[in-house]
Amino acid sequence: MTRPPKSVCVYCGSRSGVRPAYAEAARATGRMLAANGWRLVYGAGDVGLMGEVARTAQGAGAETFGVIPTHLLAREVGKRDLSTFVITETMHERKKVMFMNADAVVVLPGGGGSLDEFFEVLTWRQLGLHEKPIVLVNTEGYWDPLLAMIKRIIGEGFADPSLRDFIDVAPSVQVLESLLQDSLS
């Protein structure tokens, strides 16, 4: 029986942001996933950074697994030509299906939705519900304020210092690739 490829869940913006480096990091992530034979698991949108990472991964030969709730099909332009395209009823179901089909979580720049997804998997890790790696791709320092807030949360006594140990930070997609190779091998 053939073992399925390792799968990397990528959370990222449904918008492209203002800096061209964000879209380039998304495309580089897609190329890197394909080069390593890893499947992309993501929110199934064809807009913003989501579209960039998916189109690039697909174009480079990666398997793609997209999950989108019915209410976002039009807004996020559901990308129906993926290897696997799943439509859910709710956002909660979307997040569960994405997470359950991934071996690692990567967070590229994004907005409120990306933060929601990040904090949910971080909380699950803190509670001992999983041991999957969580990597923030810190393109041009995008996540620096978030990392400072996590440091403050720990410093103010609202979390154990081990919280920070559950997050890897990659300043580039090259570092991301190395981190994933170490954890997915």
N, C-alpha and C. Protein backbone atom coordinates (compact mmCIF):
# COMPACT_ATOMS: atom_id res chain seq x y z
N MET A 1 0.85 -1.19 0.00
CA MET A 1 0.00 0.00 0.00
C MET A 1 0.89 1.24 0.00
N THR A 2 0.57 2.18 -0.86
CA THR A 2 1.35 3.41 -0.97
C THR A 2 1.00 4.35 0.17
N ARG A 3 2.03 4.86 0.81
CA ARG A 3 1.84 5.81 1.92
C ARG A 3 1.51 7.18 1.34
N PRO A 4 0.48 7.86 1.87
CA PRO A 4 0.16 9.19 1.34
C PRO A 4 1.31 10.16 1.63
N PRO A 5 1.42 11.19 0.81
CA PRO A 5 2.51 12.16 1.03
C PRO A 5 2.31 12.91 2.34
N LYS A 6 3.41 13.38 2.90
CA LYS A 6 3.29 14.28 4.06
C LYS A 6 2.53 15.51 3.60
N SER A 7 1.75 16.06 4.49
CA SER A 7 0.89 17.18 4.15
C SER A 7 1.17 18.37 5.06
N VAL A 8 1.22 19.53 4.46
CA VAL A 8 1.50 20.77 5.18
C VAL A 8 0.30 21.70 5.02
N CYS A 9 -0.31 22.04 6.15
CA CYS A 9 -1.42 22.98 6.16
C CYS A 9 -0.84 24.40 6.16
N VAL A 10 -1.25 25.20 5.19
CA VAL A 10 -0.78 26.57 5.09
C VAL A 10 -1.95 27.51 5.35
N TYR A 11 -1.81 28.31 6.40
CA TYR A 11 -2.76 29.38 6.70
C TYR A 11 -2.15 30.66 6.16
N CYS A 12 -2.95 31.46 5.46
CA CYS A 12 -2.44 32.72 4.91
C CYS A 12 -3.60 33.59 4.47
N GLY A 13 -3.28 34.78 4.04
CA GLY A 13 -4.28 35.76 3.71
C GLY A 13 -5.08 35.46 2.46
N SER A 14 -6.35 35.84 2.48
CA SER A 14 -7.17 35.80 1.28
C SER A 14 -7.00 37.11 0.50
N ARG A 15 -6.12 37.94 1.01
CA ARG A 15 -5.66 39.15 0.31
C ARG A 15 -4.16 39.03 0.15
N SER A 16 -3.60 39.85 -0.73
CA SER A 16 -2.16 39.77 -1.01
C SER A 16 -1.30 40.65 -0.12
N GLY A 17 -1.92 41.59 0.60
CA GLY A 17 -1.12 42.51 1.40
C GLY A 17 -0.48 43.57 0.53
N VAL A 18 0.25 44.48 1.15
CA VAL A 18 0.81 45.62 0.41
C VAL A 18 2.22 45.39 -0.09
N ARG A 19 2.91 44.41 0.45
CA ARG A 19 4.30 44.19 0.06
C ARG A 19 4.41 43.02 -0.93
N PRO A 20 5.11 43.23 -2.03
CA PRO A 20 5.30 42.14 -3.00
C PRO A 20 5.99 40.91 -2.39
N ALA A 21 6.76 41.11 -1.33
CA ALA A 21 7.47 39.98 -0.69
C ALA A 21 6.50 38.95 -0.13
N TYR A 22 5.29 39.35 0.24
CA TYR A 22 4.32 38.40 0.78
C TYR A 22 3.89 37.40 -0.30
N ALA A 23 3.56 37.91 -1.48
CA ALA A 23 3.15 37.03 -2.58
C ALA A 23 4.32 36.16 -3.02
N GLU A 24 5.52 36.72 -3.03
CA GLU A 24 6.68 35.90 -3.42
C GLU A 24 6.92 34.79 -2.41
N ALA A 25 6.74 35.07 -1.12
CA ALA A 25 6.90 34.02 -0.11
C ALA A 25 5.83 32.93 -0.30
N ALA A 26 4.62 33.32 -0.67
CA ALA A 26 3.57 32.34 -0.92
C ALA A 26 3.94 31.46 -2.11
N ARG A 27 4.41 32.08 -3.19
CA ARG A 27 4.81 31.30 -4.37
C ARG A 27 6.00 30.40 -4.04
N ALA A 28 6.96 30.93 -3.31
CA ALA A 28 8.14 30.12 -2.93
C ALA A 28 7.71 28.94 -2.05
N THR A 29 6.72 29.15 -1.20
CA THR A 29 6.21 28.06 -0.37
C THR A 29 5.58 26.98 -1.24
N GLY A 30 4.80 27.38 -2.22
CA GLY A 30 4.20 26.42 -3.14
C GLY A 30 5.24 25.61 -3.89
N ARG A 31 6.27 26.29 -4.39
CA ARG A 31 7.35 25.58 -5.10
C ARG A 31 8.08 24.63 -4.17
N MET A 32 8.35 25.06 -2.94
CA MET A 32 9.07 24.25 -1.97
C MET A 32 8.28 23.01 -1.60
N LEU A 33 6.98 23.15 -1.41
CA LEU A 33 6.15 21.98 -1.08
C LEU A 33 6.23 20.95 -2.20
N ALA A 34 6.10 21.40 -3.42
CA ALA A 34 6.15 20.50 -4.57
C ALA A 34 7.52 19.84 -4.69
N ALA A 35 8.57 20.61 -4.50
CA ALA A 35 9.94 20.08 -4.63
C ALA A 35 10.21 18.96 -3.62
N ASN A 36 9.54 19.02 -2.48
CA ASN A 36 9.74 18.01 -1.44
C ASN A 36 8.70 16.88 -1.49
N GLY A 37 7.80 16.95 -2.44
CA GLY A 37 6.77 15.92 -2.56
C GLY A 37 5.71 15.99 -1.49
N TRP A 38 5.51 17.17 -0.88
CA TRP A 38 4.53 17.35 0.18
C TRP A 38 3.22 17.88 -0.41
N ARG A 39 2.12 17.47 0.16
CA ARG A 39 0.80 17.93 -0.27
C ARG A 39 0.46 19.23 0.44
N LEU A 40 -0.09 20.17 -0.29
CA LEU A 40 -0.60 21.42 0.28
C LEU A 40 -2.02 21.20 0.78
N VAL A 41 -2.26 21.53 2.03
CA VAL A 41 -3.60 21.58 2.60
C VAL A 41 -3.86 23.05 2.92
N TYR A 42 -4.97 23.59 2.42
CA TYR A 42 -5.22 25.02 2.63
C TYR A 42 -6.70 25.30 2.46
N GLY A 43 -7.07 26.56 2.54
CA GLY A 43 -8.46 26.98 2.56
C GLY A 43 -9.21 26.99 1.24
N ALA A 44 -8.63 26.46 0.18
CA ALA A 44 -9.28 26.26 -1.12
C ALA A 44 -9.64 27.53 -1.87
N GLY A 45 -9.14 28.68 -1.45
CA GLY A 45 -9.42 29.91 -2.17
C GLY A 45 -8.46 30.12 -3.32
N ASP A 46 -8.90 30.91 -4.29
CA ASP A 46 -8.05 31.25 -5.44
C ASP A 46 -7.79 32.75 -5.48
N VAL A 47 -7.76 33.36 -4.29
CA VAL A 47 -7.51 34.80 -4.17
C VAL A 47 -6.38 35.03 -3.17
N GLY A 48 -5.78 36.19 -3.23
CA GLY A 48 -4.75 36.59 -2.27
C GLY A 48 -3.60 35.62 -2.20
N LEU A 49 -2.99 35.52 -1.01
CA LEU A 49 -1.86 34.61 -0.83
C LEU A 49 -2.29 33.15 -0.97
N MET A 50 -3.55 32.85 -0.60
CA MET A 50 -4.05 31.48 -0.77
C MET A 50 -3.94 31.06 -2.24
N GLY A 51 -4.40 31.91 -3.12
CA GLY A 51 -4.34 31.60 -4.54
C GLY A 51 -2.91 31.47 -5.04
N GLU A 52 -2.04 32.35 -4.55
CA GLU A 52 -0.63 32.30 -4.97
C GLU A 52 0.03 30.97 -4.60
N VAL A 53 -0.13 30.57 -3.35
CA VAL A 53 0.52 29.33 -2.91
C VAL A 53 -0.08 28.13 -3.63
N ALA A 54 -1.39 28.12 -3.82
CA ALA A 54 -2.04 26.96 -4.45
C ALA A 54 -1.69 26.85 -5.94
N ARG A 55 -1.81 27.94 -6.66
CA ARG A 55 -1.49 27.89 -8.10
C ARG A 55 -0.05 27.49 -8.34
N THR A 56 0.85 28.01 -7.51
CA THR A 56 2.27 27.69 -7.68
C THR A 56 2.55 26.24 -7.31
N ALA A 57 2.00 25.78 -6.20
CA ALA A 57 2.19 24.38 -5.81
C ALA A 57 1.65 23.45 -6.89
N GLN A 58 0.46 23.75 -7.36
CA GLN A 58 -0.17 22.95 -8.40
C GLN A 58 0.67 22.95 -9.67
N GLY A 59 1.12 24.12 -10.08
CA GLY A 59 1.93 24.24 -11.29
C GLY A 59 3.25 23.50 -11.21
N ALA A 60 3.75 23.34 -9.98
CA ALA A 60 5.02 22.64 -9.77
C ALA A 60 4.81 21.14 -9.52
N GLY A 61 3.55 20.69 -9.56
CA GLY A 61 3.28 19.26 -9.45
C GLY A 61 2.86 18.75 -8.09
N ALA A 62 2.60 19.62 -7.14
CA ALA A 62 2.19 19.16 -5.80
C ALA A 62 0.73 18.75 -5.79
N GLU A 63 0.41 17.80 -4.94
CA GLU A 63 -0.99 17.49 -4.66
C GLU A 63 -1.54 18.65 -3.84
N THR A 64 -2.82 18.94 -4.06
CA THR A 64 -3.45 20.05 -3.35
C THR A 64 -4.76 19.57 -2.74
N PHE A 65 -4.99 19.96 -1.50
CA PHE A 65 -6.17 19.55 -0.74
C PHE A 65 -6.78 20.83 -0.18
N GLY A 66 -7.90 21.25 -0.74
CA GLY A 66 -8.52 22.49 -0.32
C GLY A 66 -9.84 22.26 0.39
N VAL A 67 -10.11 23.08 1.40
CA VAL A 67 -11.32 22.96 2.20
C VAL A 67 -11.96 24.34 2.33
N ILE A 68 -13.21 24.45 1.92
CA ILE A 68 -13.86 25.76 1.95
C ILE A 68 -15.32 25.60 2.40
N PRO A 69 -15.79 26.51 3.25
CA PRO A 69 -17.21 26.45 3.64
C PRO A 69 -18.08 27.06 2.54
N THR A 70 -19.33 26.62 2.47
CA THR A 70 -20.23 27.07 1.41
C THR A 70 -20.34 28.59 1.35
N HIS A 71 -20.35 29.26 2.49
CA HIS A 71 -20.54 30.72 2.48
C HIS A 71 -19.35 31.49 1.93
N LEU A 72 -18.20 30.82 1.74
CA LEU A 72 -17.03 31.51 1.18
C LEU A 72 -16.72 31.10 -0.26
N LEU A 73 -17.52 30.22 -0.85
CA LEU A 73 -17.25 29.77 -2.21
C LEU A 73 -17.11 30.93 -3.19
N ALA A 74 -18.00 31.89 -3.12
CA ALA A 74 -17.94 33.02 -4.05
C ALA A 74 -16.88 34.04 -3.62
N ARG A 75 -16.85 34.37 -2.34
CA ARG A 75 -15.94 35.41 -1.86
C ARG A 75 -14.46 35.02 -2.06
N GLU A 76 -14.12 33.78 -1.76
CA GLU A 76 -12.72 33.34 -1.88
C GLU A 76 -12.47 32.61 -3.20
N VAL A 77 -13.45 32.63 -4.10
CA VAL A 77 -13.34 32.01 -5.42
C VAL A 77 -12.81 30.58 -5.29
N GLY A 78 -13.65 29.72 -4.75
CA GLY A 78 -13.27 28.33 -4.52
C GLY A 78 -12.55 27.72 -5.72
N LYS A 79 -11.35 27.22 -5.49
CA LYS A 79 -10.50 26.67 -6.55
C LYS A 79 -10.84 25.19 -6.73
N ARG A 80 -11.71 24.91 -7.67
CA ARG A 80 -12.28 23.57 -7.83
C ARG A 80 -11.37 22.59 -8.58
N ASP A 81 -10.27 23.04 -9.14
CA ASP A 81 -9.40 22.13 -9.90
C ASP A 81 -8.28 21.53 -9.05
N LEU A 82 -8.47 21.49 -7.75
CA LEU A 82 -7.47 20.93 -6.84
C LEU A 82 -7.51 19.40 -6.90
N SER A 83 -6.46 18.76 -6.38
CA SER A 83 -6.47 17.29 -6.29
C SER A 83 -7.65 16.82 -5.46
N THR A 84 -7.91 17.51 -4.36
CA THR A 84 -9.06 17.23 -3.49
C THR A 84 -9.70 18.56 -3.13
N PHE A 85 -11.01 18.65 -3.32
CA PHE A 85 -11.76 19.87 -3.04
C PHE A 85 -12.93 19.51 -2.14
N VAL A 86 -12.90 20.01 -0.90
CA VAL A 86 -13.92 19.67 0.10
C VAL A 86 -14.72 20.93 0.44
N ILE A 87 -16.03 20.79 0.41
CA ILE A 87 -16.91 21.89 0.81
C ILE A 87 -17.53 21.51 2.15
N THR A 88 -17.41 22.42 3.12
CA THR A 88 -17.97 22.19 4.45
C THR A 88 -19.14 23.15 4.68
N GLU A 89 -19.87 22.89 5.74
CA GLU A 89 -20.98 23.77 6.09
C GLU A 89 -20.51 24.97 6.91
N THR A 90 -19.49 24.78 7.77
CA THR A 90 -19.09 25.83 8.70
C THR A 90 -17.58 26.06 8.68
N MET A 91 -17.18 27.19 9.23
CA MET A 91 -15.76 27.49 9.40
C MET A 91 -15.11 26.50 10.36
N HIS A 92 -15.81 26.15 11.43
CA HIS A 92 -15.25 25.20 12.39
C HIS A 92 -14.94 23.87 11.72
N GLU A 93 -15.87 23.40 10.89
CA GLU A 93 -15.65 22.15 10.18
C GLU A 93 -14.47 22.28 9.21
N ARG A 94 -14.36 23.42 8.53
CA ARG A 94 -13.24 23.67 7.61
C ARG A 94 -11.92 23.53 8.36
N LYS A 95 -11.81 24.23 9.48
CA LYS A 95 -10.55 24.21 10.24
C LYS A 95 -10.22 22.80 10.72
N LYS A 96 -11.22 22.07 11.16
CA LYS A 96 -10.99 20.70 11.64
C LYS A 96 -10.50 19.81 10.51
N VAL A 97 -11.15 19.87 9.36
CA VAL A 97 -10.75 19.01 8.23
C VAL A 97 -9.33 19.36 7.77
N MET A 98 -9.02 20.65 7.69
CA MET A 98 -7.67 21.06 7.30
C MET A 98 -6.64 20.51 8.28
N PHE A 99 -6.87 20.73 9.57
CA PHE A 99 -5.89 20.32 10.57
C PHE A 99 -5.72 18.80 10.61
N MET A 100 -6.82 18.07 10.52
CA MET A 100 -6.76 16.61 10.61
C MET A 100 -6.06 15.98 9.40
N ASN A 101 -5.96 16.71 8.30
CA ASN A 101 -5.32 16.20 7.11
C ASN A 101 -3.91 16.75 6.92
N ALA A 102 -3.31 17.27 7.98
CA ALA A 102 -1.98 17.87 7.89
C ALA A 102 -1.03 17.26 8.91
N ASP A 103 0.24 17.23 8.54
CA ASP A 103 1.31 16.78 9.43
C ASP A 103 2.06 17.94 10.07
N ALA A 104 1.89 19.14 9.51
CA ALA A 104 2.55 20.34 10.02
C ALA A 104 1.69 21.54 9.64
N VAL A 105 1.87 22.64 10.37
CA VAL A 105 1.12 23.86 10.11
C VAL A 105 2.11 24.99 9.83
N VAL A 106 1.86 25.72 8.75
CA VAL A 106 2.68 26.86 8.36
C VAL A 106 1.77 28.07 8.28
N VAL A 107 2.22 29.20 8.82
CA VAL A 107 1.42 30.42 8.79
C VAL A 107 2.20 31.51 8.06
N LEU A 108 1.73 31.84 6.88
CA LEU A 108 2.27 32.97 6.11
C LEU A 108 1.54 34.23 6.56
N PRO A 109 1.97 35.41 6.12
CA PRO A 109 1.24 36.62 6.49
C PRO A 109 -0.25 36.50 6.15
N GLY A 110 -1.06 37.07 7.01
CA GLY A 110 -2.50 37.04 6.82
C GLY A 110 -3.18 37.92 7.83
N GLY A 111 -4.49 37.88 7.83
CA GLY A 111 -5.28 38.74 8.70
C GLY A 111 -5.93 37.99 9.84
N GLY A 112 -7.14 38.42 10.18
CA GLY A 112 -7.86 37.85 11.32
C GLY A 112 -8.08 36.36 11.21
N GLY A 113 -8.42 35.88 10.02
CA GLY A 113 -8.63 34.44 9.85
C GLY A 113 -7.38 33.64 10.10
N SER A 114 -6.25 34.13 9.60
CA SER A 114 -4.98 33.43 9.82
C SER A 114 -4.61 33.43 11.30
N LEU A 115 -4.87 34.55 11.98
CA LEU A 115 -4.61 34.61 13.42
C LEU A 115 -5.51 33.64 14.18
N ASP A 116 -6.77 33.57 13.80
CA ASP A 116 -7.71 32.64 14.42
C ASP A 116 -7.20 31.21 14.27
N GLU A 117 -6.81 30.85 13.07
CA GLU A 117 -6.32 29.49 12.82
C GLU A 117 -5.04 29.21 13.60
N PHE A 118 -4.13 30.17 13.59
CA PHE A 118 -2.87 30.02 14.33
C PHE A 118 -3.12 29.81 15.82
N PHE A 119 -3.93 30.68 16.43
CA PHE A 119 -4.15 30.57 17.87
C PHE A 119 -4.91 29.30 18.24
N GLU A 120 -5.78 28.83 17.37
CA GLU A 120 -6.48 27.59 17.67
C GLU A 120 -5.50 26.42 17.73
N VAL A 121 -4.64 26.28 16.71
CA VAL A 121 -3.71 25.14 16.73
C VAL A 121 -2.65 25.31 17.82
N LEU A 122 -2.28 26.56 18.13
CA LEU A 122 -1.33 26.80 19.22
C LEU A 122 -1.96 26.40 20.55
N THR A 123 -3.21 26.76 20.75
CA THR A 123 -3.91 26.39 21.99
C THR A 123 -4.03 24.88 22.11
N TRP A 124 -4.39 24.22 21.02
CA TRP A 124 -4.47 22.75 21.04
C TRP A 124 -3.13 22.13 21.40
N ARG A 125 -2.06 22.72 20.89
CA ARG A 125 -0.71 22.21 21.21
C ARG A 125 -0.40 22.43 22.69
N GLN A 126 -0.74 23.60 23.19
CA GLN A 126 -0.52 23.94 24.60
C GLN A 126 -1.28 22.97 25.50
N LEU A 127 -2.44 22.54 25.08
CA LEU A 127 -3.27 21.62 25.86
C LEU A 127 -2.89 20.15 25.67
N GLY A 128 -1.87 19.91 24.84
CA GLY A 128 -1.41 18.55 24.62
C GLY A 128 -2.27 17.74 23.66
N LEU A 129 -3.06 18.40 22.83
CA LEU A 129 -3.94 17.69 21.90
C LEU A 129 -3.24 17.28 20.60
N HIS A 130 -2.06 17.82 20.36
CA HIS A 130 -1.28 17.42 19.18
C HIS A 130 0.18 17.80 19.39
N GLU A 131 1.04 17.28 18.53
CA GLU A 131 2.46 17.62 18.57
C GLU A 131 2.97 18.04 17.20
N LYS A 132 2.07 18.49 16.35
CA LYS A 132 2.45 18.91 15.00
C LYS A 132 3.24 20.21 15.08
N PRO A 133 4.28 20.32 14.24
CA PRO A 133 5.03 21.59 14.22
C PRO A 133 4.15 22.74 13.72
N ILE A 134 4.40 23.90 14.30
CA ILE A 134 3.72 25.14 13.90
C ILE A 134 4.82 26.14 13.55
N VAL A 135 4.82 26.61 12.30
CA VAL A 135 5.88 27.51 11.85
C VAL A 135 5.28 28.81 11.33
N LEU A 136 5.72 29.92 11.89
CA LEU A 136 5.39 31.25 11.38
C LEU A 136 6.45 31.64 10.35
N VAL A 137 6.04 31.96 9.14
CA VAL A 137 6.97 32.47 8.13
C VAL A 137 6.96 33.99 8.29
N ASN A 138 8.05 34.50 8.83
CA ASN A 138 8.12 35.90 9.27
C ASN A 138 8.67 36.79 8.15
N THR A 139 7.98 36.82 7.03
CA THR A 139 8.39 37.61 5.87
C THR A 139 8.49 39.09 6.23
N GLU A 140 9.67 39.64 6.03
CA GLU A 140 9.94 41.06 6.32
C GLU A 140 9.46 41.47 7.71
N GLY A 141 9.58 40.55 8.68
CA GLY A 141 9.23 40.85 10.06
C GLY A 141 7.75 40.96 10.34
N TYR A 142 6.92 40.44 9.44
CA TYR A 142 5.47 40.60 9.58
C TYR A 142 4.95 40.13 10.94
N TRP A 143 5.46 39.02 11.44
CA TRP A 143 4.95 38.46 12.69
C TRP A 143 5.68 38.98 13.93
N ASP A 144 6.59 39.92 13.81
CA ASP A 144 7.31 40.44 14.98
C ASP A 144 6.36 40.96 16.08
N PRO A 145 5.32 41.75 15.75
CA PRO A 145 4.41 42.19 16.82
C PRO A 145 3.69 41.02 17.51
N LEU A 146 3.34 40.00 16.76
CA LEU A 146 2.69 38.82 17.34
C LEU A 146 3.65 38.11 18.30
N LEU A 147 4.89 37.95 17.88
CA LEU A 147 5.88 37.30 18.74
C LEU A 147 6.14 38.11 20.00
N ALA A 148 6.13 39.44 19.88
CA ALA A 148 6.27 40.30 21.05
C ALA A 148 5.07 40.13 21.99
N MET A 149 3.89 39.98 21.43
CA MET A 149 2.69 39.78 22.25
C MET A 149 2.75 38.45 22.98
N ILE A 150 3.20 37.42 22.31
CA ILE A 150 3.33 36.11 22.96
C ILE A 150 4.35 36.19 24.10
N LYS A 151 5.43 36.90 23.86
CA LYS A 151 6.43 37.11 24.93
C LYS A 151 5.80 37.84 26.11
N ARG A 152 4.96 38.83 25.81
CA ARG A 152 4.29 39.57 26.88
C ARG A 152 3.30 38.69 27.64
N ILE A 153 2.54 37.88 26.91
CA ILE A 153 1.59 36.96 27.54
C ILE A 153 2.32 36.08 28.55
N ILE A 154 3.47 35.58 28.16
CA ILE A 154 4.28 34.74 29.05
C ILE A 154 4.81 35.58 30.22
N GLY A 155 5.36 36.74 29.89
CA GLY A 155 5.93 37.61 30.92
C GLY A 155 4.92 38.08 31.95
N GLU A 156 3.68 38.25 31.53
CA GLU A 156 2.62 38.70 32.44
C GLU A 156 1.98 37.55 33.19
N GLY A 157 2.47 36.34 32.96
CA GLY A 157 1.99 35.19 33.70
C GLY A 157 0.72 34.54 33.18
N PHE A 158 0.34 34.82 31.93
CA PHE A 158 -0.86 34.22 31.37
C PHE A 158 -0.59 32.93 30.60
N ALA A 159 0.66 32.57 30.48
CA ALA A 159 1.03 31.31 29.83
C ALA A 159 2.38 30.87 30.35
N ASP A 160 2.60 29.60 30.34
CA ASP A 160 3.88 29.03 30.71
C ASP A 160 4.91 29.36 29.63
N PRO A 161 6.19 29.54 29.99
CA PRO A 161 7.21 29.81 28.97
C PRO A 161 7.27 28.76 27.86
N SER A 162 6.78 27.56 28.13
CA SER A 162 6.79 26.52 27.09
C SER A 162 5.92 26.88 25.89
N LEU A 163 5.01 27.84 26.06
CA LEU A 163 4.17 28.26 24.94
C LEU A 163 5.03 28.67 23.74
N ARG A 164 6.08 29.42 24.02
CA ARG A 164 6.96 29.89 22.94
C ARG A 164 7.68 28.74 22.24
N ASP A 165 7.91 27.65 22.98
CA ASP A 165 8.60 26.49 22.40
C ASP A 165 7.75 25.76 21.36
N PHE A 166 6.47 26.02 21.34
CA PHE A 166 5.58 25.35 20.39
C PHE A 166 5.56 26.03 19.03
N ILE A 167 6.27 27.14 18.90
CA ILE A 167 6.26 27.91 17.66
C ILE A 167 7.68 27.99 17.11
N ASP A 168 7.83 27.61 15.86
CA ASP A 168 9.09 27.86 15.15
C ASP A 168 8.89 29.08 14.29
N VAL A 169 9.94 29.86 14.13
CA VAL A 169 9.88 31.06 13.30
C VAL A 169 10.89 30.91 12.17
N ALA A 170 10.40 31.09 10.95
CA ALA A 170 11.26 31.01 9.78
C ALA A 170 11.30 32.38 9.11
N PRO A 171 12.49 33.00 9.06
CA PRO A 171 12.57 34.31 8.41
C PRO A 171 12.49 34.22 6.89
N SER A 172 12.57 33.01 6.35
CA SER A 172 12.52 32.82 4.90
C SER A 172 11.94 31.44 4.60
N VAL A 173 11.57 31.25 3.35
CA VAL A 173 11.05 29.94 2.94
C VAL A 173 12.16 28.89 2.96
N GLN A 174 13.40 29.31 2.75
CA GLN A 174 14.52 28.36 2.84
C GLN A 174 14.63 27.80 4.26
N VAL A 175 14.49 28.64 5.26
CA VAL A 175 14.53 28.18 6.65
C VAL A 175 13.30 27.33 6.94
N LEU A 176 12.15 27.73 6.42
CA LEU A 176 10.93 26.93 6.56
C LEU A 176 11.15 25.52 6.04
N GLU A 177 11.74 25.42 4.85
CA GLU A 177 11.99 24.11 4.25
C GLU A 177 12.86 23.25 5.15
N SER A 178 13.90 23.82 5.68
CA SER A 178 14.80 23.09 6.57
C SER A 178 14.07 22.61 7.83
N LEU A 179 13.26 23.48 8.42
CA LEU A 179 12.49 23.12 9.61
C LEU A 179 11.53 21.96 9.31
N LEU A 180 10.85 22.05 8.17
CA LEU A 180 9.91 21.00 7.80
C LEU A 180 10.61 19.70 7.47
N GLN A 181 11.75 19.78 6.79
CA GLN A 181 12.50 18.55 6.50
C GLN A 181 12.91 17.85 7.78
N ASP A 182 13.32 18.61 8.77
CA ASP A 182 13.71 18.02 10.06
C ASP A 182 12.52 17.37 10.76
N SER A 183 11.37 18.03 10.71
CA SER A 183 10.23 17.53 11.49
C SER A 183 9.38 16.51 10.75
N LEU A 184 9.41 16.50 9.43
CA LEU A 184 8.57 15.57 8.68
C LEU A 184 9.30 14.31 8.22
N SER A 185 10.59 14.23 8.52
CA SER A 185 11.34 13.04 8.07
C SER A 185 11.15 11.87 9.01
